[in-house]
Amino acid sequence: MDDVAAIRNGAGYWILEDVGVLCARGKDRLSWANGMVTCDVLAIPDGGSHSAGIVNPKGKFVALVDVWRDPDAIWLLIEGGRAAEAHRVLDGYLVMEEVELTDRSAELVVVTVQGSRAGEAVNDAACPNRMKDRSGARGFDLLVPRDRLANVVQSLGRCASRVGAEAAEILRVEQGLPAWGREVSEDVFPQEAHLEDSHVSFTKGCYVGQETVVRLRDRGHANRFVVGLDLGEFEPPGQGAQIRSGDAVVGTITSAVHSPTLRKSIAMAMVKRAHVEPGTLLSVGEAQATVVSLPFVQPR
């Protein structure tokens, strides 16, 4: 696919309309945000960012989020159309703190630029940005005022090509990156999606849901995990397709694509713990599926 090749060989961009933007200001914003998300906000330098989750008291996800720290604000980029729900939940934890939390999604849009030439394209755009790899080829997310979007897109077009939704999904699955509404939902713990290393701090102290997340690490284990499936020449199955070991249903497909890079069909799936070892043979309808390690394609 040409769009995938554009990322692999140069740069491409797409608009993340399902990513909303919350902003926290006020003198207590750092300590308050640190108690709301799973990453260590206090360890993020000004101008830096970190992936995180917002979890409920039972340790399950409310939202996936990228935390951007500026000298006077904390920006929360909420994945999967969950900004309004995240705003509602977070606002409920504001009691005596001097924090103003606002939803800026109506005026700000997130654009991602991916590929080996992404830095060059981002420099021309002149918008706030942070590093964010959504393709395995390095990249950046840009925070763009909606009234400047047309001009920014025109600027990006000098170095990067516009990438369609299908190519963006292929790139995501090739990298084994969990997405809200696919591998992650309100029924999922961070460990089940293998996000404990990239999204969770186990040393920073208290946050909402911390006790359950730590207990799952220290005293128990998750009963299911996200895995990769090699489907070979078979057609990619739909989301929710059942995965079997013999006659027993052991999981479901969460995302599936045909990879032009690997020239075969691949999928991400939520599978019971007893069936997650690489090399395990499973079936999806008439298709044979082999469990493989993620990512499918090694980052460049």
C-alpha atoms as a PDB file:
ATOM      1  CA  MET A   1       0.000   0.000   0.000  1.00  0.00           C
ATOM      2  CA  ASP A   2       1.392   3.373  -1.030  1.00  0.00           C
ATOM      3  CA  ASP A   3       0.435   5.134   2.213  1.00  0.00           C
ATOM      4  CA  VAL A   4       2.285   2.567   4.329  1.00  0.00           C
ATOM      5  CA  ALA A   5       5.325   2.863   2.050  1.00  0.00           C
ATOM      6  CA  ALA A   6       5.212   6.654   2.452  1.00  0.00           C
ATOM      7  CA  ILE A   7       5.693   6.264   6.186  1.00  0.00           C
ATOM      8  CA  ARG A   8       8.370   3.603   5.866  1.00  0.00           C
ATOM      9  CA  ASN A   9      10.359   5.620   3.319  1.00  0.00           C
ATOM     10  CA  GLY A  10       9.673   9.248   4.199  1.00  0.00           C
ATOM     11  CA  ALA A  11       6.868  10.870   6.142  1.00  0.00           C
ATOM     12  CA  GLY A  12       3.091  10.896   6.301  1.00  0.00           C
ATOM     13  CA  TYR A  13       0.466  12.535   8.479  1.00  0.00           C
ATOM     14  CA  TRP A  14      -3.116  12.021   9.509  1.00  0.00           C
ATOM     15  CA  ILE A  15      -5.612  13.861  11.712  1.00  0.00           C
ATOM     16  CA  LEU A  16      -6.554  12.177  15.007  1.00  0.00           C
ATOM     17  CA  GLU A  17     -10.141  13.352  15.269  1.00  0.00           C
ATOM     18  CA  ASP A  18     -10.869  10.816  18.020  1.00  0.00           C
ATOM     19  CA  VAL A  19      -8.173  12.277  20.299  1.00  0.00           C
ATOM     20  CA  GLY A  20      -9.596  14.934  22.606  1.00  0.00           C
ATOM     21  CA  VAL A  21      -7.673  17.526  24.604  1.00  0.00           C
ATOM     22  CA  LEU A  22      -8.070  18.445  28.268  1.00  0.00           C
ATOM     23  CA  CYS A  23      -6.064  21.198  29.958  1.00  0.00           C
ATOM     24  CA  ALA A  24      -5.296  21.543  33.675  1.00  0.00           C
ATOM     25  CA  ARG A  25      -4.052  24.865  35.048  1.00  0.00           C
ATOM     26  CA  GLY A  26      -3.562  26.180  38.580  1.00  0.00           C
ATOM     27  CA  LYS A  27      -0.950  25.877  41.309  1.00  0.00           C
ATOM     28  CA  ASP A  28      -1.994  22.323  42.308  1.00  0.00           C
ATOM     29  CA  ARG A  29      -2.094  20.932  38.749  1.00  0.00           C
ATOM     30  CA  LEU A  30       1.052  18.786  39.068  1.00  0.00           C
ATOM     31  CA  SER A  31       0.222  17.032  42.328  1.00  0.00           C
ATOM     32  CA  TRP A  32      -3.418  16.629  41.305  1.00  0.00           C
ATOM     33  CA  ALA A  33      -2.583  15.184  37.872  1.00  0.00           C
ATOM     34  CA  ASN A  34      -0.018  12.863  39.445  1.00  0.00           C
ATOM     35  CA  GLY A  35      -2.813  11.378  41.553  1.00  0.00           C
ATOM     36  CA  MET A  36      -5.101  10.921  38.547  1.00  0.00           C
ATOM     37  CA  VAL A  37      -2.968   9.084  35.983  1.00  0.00           C
ATOM     38  CA  THR A  38      -0.747   6.000  36.072  1.00  0.00           C
ATOM     39  CA  CYS A  39       2.531   7.609  34.958  1.00  0.00           C
ATOM     40  CA  ASP A  40       4.803   9.804  37.087  1.00  0.00           C
ATOM     41  CA  VAL A  41       3.780  13.320  36.087  1.00  0.00           C
ATOM     42  CA  LEU A  42       6.343  14.896  38.412  1.00  0.00           C
ATOM     43  CA  ALA A  43       9.151  13.145  36.519  1.00  0.00           C
ATOM     44  CA  ILE A  44       8.116  14.619  33.164  1.00  0.00           C
ATOM     45  CA  PRO A  45      10.274  17.650  32.328  1.00  0.00           C
ATOM     46  CA  ASP A  46       8.729  20.847  31.028  1.00  0.00           C
ATOM     47  CA  GLY A  47       8.305  20.315  27.308  1.00  0.00           C
ATOM     48  CA  GLY A  48       8.123  16.543  27.757  1.00  0.00           C
ATOM     49  CA  SER A  49       5.381  13.941  27.631  1.00  0.00           C
ATOM     50  CA  HIS A  50       4.547  10.421  28.753  1.00  0.00           C
ATOM     51  CA  SER A  51       1.918   7.825  27.912  1.00  0.00           C
ATOM     52  CA  ALA A  52      -0.422   6.870  30.744  1.00  0.00           C
ATOM     53  CA  GLY A  53      -3.802   5.572  31.661  1.00  0.00           C
ATOM     54  CA  ILE A  54      -6.654   6.862  33.733  1.00  0.00           C
ATOM     55  CA  VAL A  55      -8.002   3.913  35.715  1.00  0.00           C
ATOM     56  CA  ASN A  56     -10.940   3.509  38.055  1.00  0.00           C
ATOM     57  CA  PRO A  57     -10.657   2.373  41.693  1.00  0.00           C
ATOM     58  CA  LYS A  58     -10.848  -1.252  40.487  1.00  0.00           C
ATOM     59  CA  GLY A  59      -7.734  -0.721  38.352  1.00  0.00           C
ATOM     60  CA  LYS A  60      -9.498  -0.915  34.983  1.00  0.00           C
ATOM     61  CA  PHE A  61      -9.115   1.690  32.279  1.00  0.00           C
ATOM     62  CA  VAL A  62     -11.218   4.812  31.990  1.00  0.00           C
ATOM     63  CA  ALA A  63      -9.062   6.168  29.162  1.00  0.00           C
ATOM     64  CA  LEU A  64      -5.691   6.045  27.448  1.00  0.00           C
ATOM     65  CA  VAL A  65      -3.881   9.376  27.658  1.00  0.00           C
ATOM     66  CA  ASP A  66      -0.686  11.156  26.703  1.00  0.00           C
ATOM     67  CA  VAL A  67       0.384  13.653  29.360  1.00  0.00           C
ATOM     68  CA  TRP A  68       2.147  16.795  28.080  1.00  0.00           C
ATOM     69  CA  ARG A  69       3.823  19.023  30.645  1.00  0.00           C
ATOM     70  CA  ASP A  70       4.320  22.728  30.021  1.00  0.00           C
ATOM     71  CA  PRO A  71       5.597  25.339  32.506  1.00  0.00           C
ATOM     72  CA  ASP A  72       2.060  26.596  33.178  1.00  0.00           C
ATOM     73  CA  ALA A  73      -0.223  23.713  32.190  1.00  0.00           C
ATOM     74  CA  ILE A  74      -0.759  19.984  31.984  1.00  0.00           C
ATOM     75  CA  TRP A  75      -2.276  18.815  28.715  1.00  0.00           C
ATOM     76  CA  LEU A  76      -4.086  15.468  28.599  1.00  0.00           C
ATOM     77  CA  LEU A  77      -4.545  14.016  25.109  1.00  0.00           C
ATOM     78  CA  ILE A  78      -7.331  11.456  25.489  1.00  0.00           C
ATOM     79  CA  GLU A  79      -7.552   8.625  22.959  1.00  0.00           C
ATOM     80  CA  GLY A  80     -10.600   7.011  21.400  1.00  0.00           C
ATOM     81  CA  GLY A  81     -13.278   9.670  21.750  1.00  0.00           C
ATOM     82  CA  ARG A  82     -13.132   9.471  25.557  1.00  0.00           C
ATOM     83  CA  ALA A  83     -12.379  13.110  26.357  1.00  0.00           C
ATOM     84  CA  ALA A  84     -15.850  13.960  27.662  1.00  0.00           C
ATOM     85  CA  GLU A  85     -15.968  10.866  29.875  1.00  0.00           C
ATOM     86  CA  ALA A  86     -12.424  11.472  31.127  1.00  0.00           C
ATOM     87  CA  HIS A  87     -13.343  15.088  31.892  1.00  0.00           C
ATOM     88  CA  ARG A  88     -16.388  13.944  33.863  1.00  0.00           C
ATOM     89  CA  VAL A  89     -14.387  11.406  35.882  1.00  0.00           C
ATOM     90  CA  LEU A  90     -11.433  13.693  36.573  1.00  0.00           C
ATOM     91  CA  ASP A  91     -13.648  16.638  37.492  1.00  0.00           C
ATOM     92  CA  GLY A  92     -15.249  14.437  40.138  1.00  0.00           C
ATOM     93  CA  TYR A  93     -11.898  14.217  41.924  1.00  0.00           C
ATOM     94  CA  LEU A  94     -11.477  17.998  42.142  1.00  0.00           C
ATOM     95  CA  VAL A  95     -12.416  19.012  45.680  1.00  0.00           C
ATOM     96  CA  MET A  96     -10.151  21.539  47.383  1.00  0.00           C
ATOM     97  CA  GLU A  97      -7.355  21.609  44.785  1.00  0.00           C
ATOM     98  CA  GLU A  98      -6.597  24.849  42.987  1.00  0.00           C
ATOM     99  CA  VAL A  99      -6.974  23.389  39.505  1.00  0.00           C
ATOM    100  CA  GLU A 100      -9.015  24.507  36.523  1.00  0.00           C
ATOM    101  CA  LEU A 101      -9.755  21.576  34.207  1.00  0.00           C
ATOM    102  CA  THR A 102     -11.181  22.434  30.782  1.00  0.00           C
ATOM    103  CA  ASP A 103     -12.064  20.459  27.672  1.00  0.00           C
ATOM    104  CA  ARG A 104     -10.311  22.122  24.723  1.00  0.00           C
ATOM    105  CA  SER A 105     -11.303  19.539  22.107  1.00  0.00           C
ATOM    106  CA  ALA A 106     -13.565  21.956  20.239  1.00  0.00           C
ATOM    107  CA  GLU A 107     -10.702  24.363  19.533  1.00  0.00           C
ATOM    108  CA  LEU A 108      -7.668  22.059  19.310  1.00  0.00           C
ATOM    109  CA  VAL A 109      -7.037  19.034  17.097  1.00  0.00           C
ATOM    110  CA  VAL A 110      -4.204  16.503  17.220  1.00  0.00           C
ATOM    111  CA  VAL A 111      -2.315  15.729  14.012  1.00  0.00           C
ATOM    112  CA  THR A 112       0.305  12.982  13.941  1.00  0.00           C
ATOM    113  CA  VAL A 113       3.319  13.002  11.615  1.00  0.00           C
ATOM    114  CA  GLN A 114       5.189   9.716  11.224  1.00  0.00           C
ATOM    115  CA  GLY A 115       8.270   8.523   9.361  1.00  0.00           C
ATOM    116  CA  SER A 116      11.976   9.170   8.951  1.00  0.00           C
ATOM    117  CA  ARG A 117      11.349  12.737   7.685  1.00  0.00           C
ATOM    118  CA  ALA A 118       8.728  13.555  10.329  1.00  0.00           C
ATOM    119  CA  GLY A 119      11.027  15.965  12.176  1.00  0.00           C
ATOM    120  CA  GLU A 120      11.539  18.027   9.047  1.00  0.00           C
ATOM    121  CA  ALA A 121       7.804  18.262   8.431  1.00  0.00           C
ATOM    122  CA  VAL A 122       7.060  19.166  12.052  1.00  0.00           C
ATOM    123  CA  ASN A 123       9.603  21.988  12.052  1.00  0.00           C
ATOM    124  CA  ASP A 124       7.786  23.621   9.148  1.00  0.00           C
ATOM    125  CA  ALA A 125       4.418  23.350  10.904  1.00  0.00           C
ATOM    126  CA  ALA A 126       5.427  25.532  13.900  1.00  0.00           C
ATOM    127  CA  CYS A 127       2.967  23.980  16.377  1.00  0.00           C
ATOM    128  CA  PRO A 128       3.438  22.544  19.882  1.00  0.00           C
ATOM    129  CA  ASN A 129       4.501  18.926  19.495  1.00  0.00           C
ATOM    130  CA  ARG A 130       5.820  15.900  21.340  1.00  0.00           C
ATOM    131  CA  MET A 131       7.474  12.712  20.157  1.00  0.00           C
ATOM    132  CA  LYS A 132       4.937   9.906  19.646  1.00  0.00           C
ATOM    133  CA  ASP A 133       5.627   6.748  17.662  1.00  0.00           C
ATOM    134  CA  ARG A 134       2.427   5.485  16.042  1.00  0.00           C
ATOM    135  CA  SER A 135       4.140   3.676  13.159  1.00  0.00           C
ATOM    136  CA  GLY A 136       7.426   2.096  14.225  1.00  0.00           C
ATOM    137  CA  ALA A 137       9.268   4.726  12.190  1.00  0.00           C
ATOM    138  CA  ARG A 138       9.377   7.519  14.831  1.00  0.00           C
ATOM    139  CA  GLY A 139       7.037  10.457  14.783  1.00  0.00           C
ATOM    140  CA  PHE A 140       5.384  13.377  16.531  1.00  0.00           C
ATOM    141  CA  ASP A 141       1.929  14.479  17.627  1.00  0.00           C
ATOM    142  CA  LEU A 142       1.062  18.136  17.000  1.00  0.00           C
ATOM    143  CA  LEU A 143      -1.479  20.214  18.909  1.00  0.00           C
ATOM    144  CA  VAL A 144      -3.093  22.406  16.274  1.00  0.00           C
ATOM    145  CA  PRO A 145      -5.686  25.186  16.680  1.00  0.00           C
ATOM    146  CA  ARG A 146      -8.618  24.230  14.479  1.00  0.00           C
ATOM    147  CA  ASP A 147      -8.641  27.645  12.843  1.00  0.00           C
ATOM    148  CA  ARG A 148      -5.034  26.990  11.699  1.00  0.00           C
ATOM    149  CA  LEU A 149      -5.566  23.385  10.593  1.00  0.00           C
ATOM    150  CA  ALA A 150      -5.772  24.096   6.875  1.00  0.00           C
ATOM    151  CA  ASN A 151      -2.533  26.094   6.943  1.00  0.00           C
ATOM    152  CA  VAL A 152      -0.729  23.458   9.020  1.00  0.00           C
ATOM    153  CA  VAL A 153      -1.850  20.676   6.699  1.00  0.00           C
ATOM    154  CA  GLN A 154      -0.610  22.686   3.717  1.00  0.00           C
ATOM    155  CA  SER A 155       2.754  23.133   5.456  1.00  0.00           C
ATOM    156  CA  LEU A 156       3.018  19.426   6.324  1.00  0.00           C
ATOM    157  CA  GLY A 157       2.258  18.557   2.716  1.00  0.00           C
ATOM    158  CA  ARG A 158       5.597  19.972   1.600  1.00  0.00           C
ATOM    159  CA  CYS A 159       7.437  17.095   3.316  1.00  0.00           C
ATOM    160  CA  ALA A 160       4.759  14.511   4.134  1.00  0.00           C
ATOM    161  CA  SER A 161       1.885  12.848   2.341  1.00  0.00           C
ATOM    162  CA  ARG A 162      -1.594  12.509   3.812  1.00  0.00           C
ATOM    163  CA  VAL A 163      -2.228   8.959   5.052  1.00  0.00           C
ATOM    164  CA  GLY A 164      -5.637   7.297   5.039  1.00  0.00           C
ATOM    165  CA  ALA A 165      -7.348   5.549   7.937  1.00  0.00           C
ATOM    166  CA  GLU A 166      -6.687   2.083   6.522  1.00  0.00           C
ATOM    167  CA  ALA A 167      -2.929   2.663   6.345  1.00  0.00           C
ATOM    168  CA  ALA A 168      -2.888   4.168   9.842  1.00  0.00           C
ATOM    169  CA  GLU A 169      -4.608   1.044  11.166  1.00  0.00           C
ATOM    170  CA  ILE A 170      -2.159  -1.242   9.365  1.00  0.00           C
ATOM    171  CA  LEU A 171       0.780   0.639  10.859  1.00  0.00           C
ATOM    172  CA  ARG A 172      -0.742   0.439  14.341  1.00  0.00           C
ATOM    173  CA  VAL A 173      -1.361  -3.296  14.163  1.00  0.00           C
ATOM    174  CA  GLU A 174       2.063  -4.019  12.654  1.00  0.00           C
ATOM    175  CA  GLN A 175       3.521  -2.370  15.763  1.00  0.00           C
ATOM    176  CA  GLY A 176       1.129  -4.130  18.139  1.00  0.00           C
ATOM    177  CA  LEU A 177      -0.058  -0.833  19.625  1.00  0.00           C
ATOM    178  CA  PRO A 178      -3.247  -1.238  21.689  1.00  0.00           C
ATOM    179  CA  ALA A 179      -6.132   1.084  20.797  1.00  0.00           C
ATOM    180  CA  TRP A 180      -9.197   2.173  22.731  1.00  0.00           C
ATOM    181  CA  GLY A 181     -12.253   0.212  21.664  1.00  0.00           C
ATOM    182  CA  ARG A 182     -10.056  -2.579  20.341  1.00  0.00           C
ATOM    183  CA  GLU A 183      -7.480  -3.971  22.764  1.00  0.00           C
ATOM    184  CA  VAL A 184      -8.376  -1.552  25.559  1.00  0.00           C
ATOM    185  CA  SER A 185     -11.755  -0.856  27.131  1.00  0.00           C
ATOM    186  CA  GLU A 186     -13.364  -0.290  30.506  1.00  0.00           C
ATOM    187  CA  ASP A 187     -13.043  -4.043  31.163  1.00  0.00           C
ATOM    188  CA  VAL A 188      -9.260  -4.180  30.712  1.00  0.00           C
ATOM    189  CA  PHE A 189      -6.406  -3.912  33.234  1.00  0.00           C
ATOM    190  CA  PRO A 190      -3.090  -2.343  32.111  1.00  0.00           C
ATOM    191  CA  GLN A 191      -1.301  -5.694  32.484  1.00  0.00           C
ATOM    192  CA  GLU A 192      -3.736  -7.427  30.149  1.00  0.00           C
ATOM    193  CA  ALA A 193      -2.776  -5.045  27.343  1.00  0.00           C
ATOM    194  CA  HIS A 194       0.965  -5.194  28.228  1.00  0.00           C
ATOM    195  CA  LEU A 195       0.923  -1.483  29.072  1.00  0.00           C
ATOM    196  CA  GLU A 196       2.410  -1.734  32.563  1.00  0.00           C
ATOM    197  CA  ASP A 197       5.942  -0.907  31.357  1.00  0.00           C
ATOM    198  CA  SER A 198       5.056   1.967  29.025  1.00  0.00           C
ATOM    199  CA  HIS A 199       2.120   3.535  30.874  1.00  0.00           C
ATOM    200  CA  VAL A 200       2.450   2.736  34.597  1.00  0.00           C
ATOM    201  CA  SER A 201       4.829   3.904  37.323  1.00  0.00           C
ATOM    202  CA  PHE A 202       5.137   1.488  40.242  1.00  0.00           C
ATOM    203  CA  THR A 203       7.341   3.856  42.245  1.00  0.00           C
ATOM    204  CA  LYS A 204       5.657   7.264  42.222  1.00  0.00           C
ATOM    205  CA  GLY A 205       3.121   6.787  45.011  1.00  0.00           C
ATOM    206  CA  CYS A 206      -0.637   6.954  45.202  1.00  0.00           C
ATOM    207  CA  TYR A 207      -3.092   7.463  42.361  1.00  0.00           C
ATOM    208  CA  VAL A 208      -6.655   6.377  41.750  1.00  0.00           C
ATOM    209  CA  GLY A 209      -6.669   2.604  41.161  1.00  0.00           C
ATOM    210  CA  GLN A 210      -3.052   2.121  42.246  1.00  0.00           C
ATOM    211  CA  GLU A 211      -3.776  -0.481  44.921  1.00  0.00           C
ATOM    212  CA  THR A 212      -5.453  -2.850  42.470  1.00  0.00           C
ATOM    213  CA  VAL A 213      -2.853  -2.365  39.732  1.00  0.00           C
ATOM    214  CA  VAL A 214      -0.007  -3.088  42.175  1.00  0.00           C
ATOM    215  CA  ARG A 215      -1.817  -6.044  43.740  1.00  0.00           C
ATOM    216  CA  LEU A 216      -2.295  -7.611  40.317  1.00  0.00           C
ATOM    217  CA  ARG A 217       1.447  -7.316  39.764  1.00  0.00           C
ATOM    218  CA  ASP A 218       2.543  -8.534  43.202  1.00  0.00           C
ATOM    219  CA  ARG A 219       0.005 -11.097  44.349  1.00  0.00           C
ATOM    220  CA  GLY A 220      -1.814 -12.385  41.343  1.00  0.00           C
ATOM    221  CA  HIS A 221      -1.783 -12.500  37.585  1.00  0.00           C
ATOM    222  CA  ALA A 222      -3.969 -11.467  34.724  1.00  0.00           C
ATOM    223  CA  ASN A 223      -6.143 -14.231  33.289  1.00  0.00           C
ATOM    224  CA  ARG A 224      -5.866 -13.019  29.694  1.00  0.00           C
ATOM    225  CA  PHE A 225      -3.469 -11.014  27.556  1.00  0.00           C
ATOM    226  CA  VAL A 226      -3.224  -9.234  24.213  1.00  0.00           C
ATOM    227  CA  VAL A 227      -1.196 -11.343  21.759  1.00  0.00           C
ATOM    228  CA  GLY A 228      -0.255 -11.275  18.090  1.00  0.00           C
ATOM    229  CA  LEU A 229      -1.625 -13.844  15.660  1.00  0.00           C
ATOM    230  CA  ASP A 230      -0.058 -14.833  12.347  1.00  0.00           C
ATOM    231  CA  LEU A 231      -2.920 -15.740   9.990  1.00  0.00           C
ATOM    232  CA  GLY A 232      -0.830 -16.318   6.873  1.00  0.00           C
ATOM    233  CA  GLU A 233      -2.820 -16.256   3.644  1.00  0.00           C
ATOM    234  CA  PHE A 234      -6.248 -16.224   5.303  1.00  0.00           C
ATOM    235  CA  GLU A 235      -8.452 -13.140   5.109  1.00  0.00           C
ATOM    236  CA  PRO A 236      -8.348 -10.871   8.183  1.00  0.00           C
ATOM    237  CA  PRO A 237     -11.291 -11.752  10.457  1.00  0.00           C
ATOM    238  CA  GLY A 238     -13.593  -9.147  11.933  1.00  0.00           C
ATOM    239  CA  GLN A 239     -13.341  -7.686  15.403  1.00  0.00           C
ATOM    240  CA  GLY A 240     -14.942 -10.018  17.923  1.00  0.00           C
ATOM    241  CA  ALA A 241     -14.353 -13.204  15.916  1.00  0.00           C
ATOM    242  CA  GLN A 242     -13.938 -16.167  18.260  1.00  0.00           C
ATOM    243  CA  ILE A 243     -10.567 -17.852  18.705  1.00  0.00           C
ATOM    244  CA  ARG A 244     -10.558 -21.548  19.529  1.00  0.00           C
ATOM    245  CA  SER A 245      -8.224 -24.169  20.853  1.00  0.00           C
ATOM    246  CA  GLY A 246      -9.882 -27.365  19.728  1.00  0.00           C
ATOM    247  CA  ASP A 247     -13.566 -26.904  20.579  1.00  0.00           C
ATOM    248  CA  ALA A 248     -12.961 -24.395  23.374  1.00  0.00           C
ATOM    249  CA  VAL A 249     -13.300 -20.644  22.848  1.00  0.00           C
ATOM    250  CA  VAL A 250     -10.126 -19.090  24.298  1.00  0.00           C
ATOM    251  CA  GLY A 251     -10.247 -15.523  23.022  1.00  0.00           C
ATOM    252  CA  THR A 252     -11.477 -12.949  20.528  1.00  0.00           C
ATOM    253  CA  ILE A 253      -9.977 -10.939  17.693  1.00  0.00           C
ATOM    254  CA  THR A 254      -9.519  -7.265  18.586  1.00  0.00           C
ATOM    255  CA  SER A 255      -7.847  -5.972  15.390  1.00  0.00           C
ATOM    256  CA  ALA A 256      -6.888  -7.632  12.103  1.00  0.00           C
ATOM    257  CA  VAL A 257      -5.322  -6.374   8.865  1.00  0.00           C
ATOM    258  CA  HIS A 258      -3.456  -7.563   5.821  1.00  0.00           C
ATOM    259  CA  SER A 259       0.124  -6.361   6.236  1.00  0.00           C
ATOM    260  CA  PRO A 260       1.762  -5.199   2.995  1.00  0.00           C
ATOM    261  CA  THR A 261       5.092  -5.185   4.825  1.00  0.00           C
ATOM    262  CA  LEU A 262       4.844  -8.864   5.812  1.00  0.00           C
ATOM    263  CA  ARG A 263       2.610  -9.872   2.884  1.00  0.00           C
ATOM    264  CA  LYS A 264       0.211 -11.803   5.082  1.00  0.00           C
ATOM    265  CA  SER A 265      -2.706 -11.298   7.437  1.00  0.00           C
ATOM    266  CA  ILE A 266      -2.000 -10.480  11.067  1.00  0.00           C
ATOM    267  CA  ALA A 267      -4.184  -9.824  14.078  1.00  0.00           C
ATOM    268  CA  MET A 268      -4.168  -8.692  17.659  1.00  0.00           C
ATOM    269  CA  ALA A 269      -6.336 -10.647  20.055  1.00  0.00           C
ATOM    270  CA  MET A 270      -7.290 -10.999  23.707  1.00  0.00           C
ATOM    271  CA  VAL A 271      -6.523 -14.607  24.641  1.00  0.00           C
ATOM    272  CA  LYS A 272      -6.704 -16.637  27.851  1.00  0.00           C
ATOM    273  CA  ARG A 273      -3.417 -16.951  29.728  1.00  0.00           C
ATOM    274  CA  ALA A 274      -2.960 -20.665  29.027  1.00  0.00           C
ATOM    275  CA  HIS A 275      -2.761 -20.016  25.272  1.00  0.00           C
ATOM    276  CA  VAL A 276      -0.462 -17.001  24.920  1.00  0.00           C
ATOM    277  CA  GLU A 277       2.946 -18.619  24.406  1.00  0.00           C
ATOM    278  CA  PRO A 278       4.509 -17.855  20.994  1.00  0.00           C
ATOM    279  CA  GLY A 279       4.109 -20.828  18.681  1.00  0.00           C
ATOM    280  CA  THR A 280       0.740 -21.871  20.122  1.00  0.00           C
ATOM    281  CA  LEU A 281      -1.619 -23.026  17.360  1.00  0.00           C
ATOM    282  CA  LEU A 282      -5.182 -21.734  17.484  1.00  0.00           C
ATOM    283  CA  SER A 283      -8.018 -21.356  14.978  1.00  0.00           C
ATOM    284  CA  VAL A 284     -10.311 -18.532  13.868  1.00  0.00           C
ATOM    285  CA  GLY A 285     -13.134 -20.015  11.841  1.00  0.00           C
ATOM    286  CA  GLU A 286     -11.443 -21.983   9.070  1.00  0.00           C
ATOM    287  CA  ALA A 287      -8.163 -20.129   9.520  1.00  0.00           C
ATOM    288  CA  GLN A 288      -5.184 -21.458  11.428  1.00  0.00           C
ATOM    289  CA  ALA A 289      -3.550 -18.872  13.668  1.00  0.00           C
ATOM    290  CA  THR A 290      -0.137 -18.984  15.325  1.00  0.00           C
ATOM    291  CA  VAL A 291       0.582 -16.903  18.416  1.00  0.00           C
ATOM    292  CA  VAL A 292       3.570 -14.593  17.844  1.00  0.00           C
ATOM    293  CA  SER A 293       5.361 -11.946  19.873  1.00  0.00           C
ATOM    294  CA  LEU A 294       4.548  -8.274  19.357  1.00  0.00           C
ATOM    295  CA  PRO A 295       5.425  -6.125  17.500  1.00  0.00           C
ATOM    296  CA  PHE A 296       5.002  -7.882  14.177  1.00  0.00           C
ATOM    297  CA  VAL A 297       7.405  -5.413  12.514  1.00  0.00           C
ATOM    298  CA  GLN A 298      10.429  -4.181  14.438  1.00  0.00           C
ATOM    299  CA  PRO A 299      10.622  -0.383  14.816  1.00  0.00           C
ATOM    300  CA  ARG A 300      13.200   1.409  12.680  1.00  0.00           C
END
